């Protein structure tokens, strides 16, 4: 089998998506590191010290005078 030793570092990545016209999501990962080897004794580590998932909603203000008191 082919044996490869590797080491990698990535400063970060952000992925965004519009789930609805008024709802957006963003997943952001900070600096990541990985190292290891392939072959008969494959092993690797992956370090991701910080990450976050954020939702942003754009909802227009509601005019409370149009809502009946019993609602």
Protein backbone atom coordinates (compact mmCIF):
# COMPACT_ATOMS: atom_id res chain seq x y z
CA UNK A 1 0.00 0.00 0.00
CA UNK A 2 1.01 3.59 -0.60
CA UNK A 3 2.00 5.44 2.58
CA UNK A 4 1.60 9.21 2.75
CA UNK A 5 2.46 11.43 5.69
CA UNK A 6 0.60 14.71 5.70
CA UNK A 7 0.18 17.92 7.63
CA UNK A 8 -2.30 20.67 6.75
CA UNK A 9 -3.50 23.97 8.18
CA UNK A 10 -6.43 26.12 7.06
CA UNK A 11 -7.02 29.63 8.42
CA UNK A 12 -10.80 29.27 8.34
CA UNK A 13 -13.89 28.91 6.22
CA UNK A 14 -17.44 30.27 6.26
CA UNK A 15 -20.48 28.75 4.57
CA UNK A 16 -23.72 30.70 4.24
CA UNK A 17 -27.20 29.77 3.05
CA UNK A 18 -30.60 31.44 2.76
CA UNK A 19 -33.03 28.96 4.30
CA UNK A 20 -36.02 31.25 3.66
CA UNK A 21 -36.23 34.77 2.22
CA UNK A 22 -36.25 36.08 5.81
CA UNK A 23 -33.87 33.52 7.41
CA UNK A 24 -30.15 33.15 6.76
CA UNK A 25 -27.68 30.71 8.30
CA UNK A 26 -23.88 30.85 8.53
CA UNK A 27 -21.48 28.15 9.71
CA UNK A 28 -18.00 29.45 10.43
CA UNK A 29 -14.90 27.46 11.36
CA UNK A 30 -11.72 29.05 12.71
CA UNK A 31 -8.16 27.82 12.18
CA UNK A 32 -8.01 24.06 11.59
CA UNK A 33 -5.05 21.68 11.70
CA UNK A 34 -4.68 18.08 10.63
CA UNK A 35 -1.83 15.59 10.41
CA UNK A 36 -1.39 11.87 10.01
CA UNK A 37 -0.51 9.10 7.62
CA UNK A 38 -2.17 6.64 5.27
CA UNK A 39 -1.40 3.00 4.58
CA UNK A 40 -1.70 -0.18 6.64
CA UNK A 41 -1.48 1.84 9.89
CA UNK A 42 -3.70 4.75 8.89
CA UNK A 43 -4.20 7.39 11.56
CA UNK A 44 -4.84 11.10 11.62
CA UNK A 45 -5.90 13.91 13.92
CA UNK A 46 -8.07 16.90 13.15
CA UNK A 47 -8.13 19.96 15.43
CA UNK A 48 -10.98 22.47 15.22
CA UNK A 49 -10.72 24.68 18.33
CA UNK A 50 -13.64 26.98 17.51
CA UNK A 51 -16.66 27.03 15.26
CA UNK A 52 -20.13 28.57 15.30
CA UNK A 53 -23.54 28.34 13.69
CA UNK A 54 -25.50 31.59 13.44
CA UNK A 55 -29.05 32.28 12.27
CA UNK A 56 -30.14 35.76 11.21
CA UNK A 57 -33.80 36.62 10.84
CA UNK A 58 -35.22 39.68 9.10
CA UNK A 59 -38.74 40.17 10.40
CA UNK A 60 -40.64 43.39 9.83
CA UNK A 61 -42.05 45.18 12.85
CA UNK A 62 -45.67 44.34 13.67
CA UNK A 63 -48.19 47.14 14.10
CA UNK A 64 -49.79 46.17 17.43
CA UNK A 65 -52.79 48.46 16.82
CA UNK A 66 -54.10 46.09 14.11
CA UNK A 67 -54.15 43.03 16.41
CA UNK A 68 -57.44 42.54 18.30
CA UNK A 69 -57.07 42.53 22.13
CA UNK A 70 -58.40 38.95 22.34
CA UNK A 71 -55.54 37.58 20.21
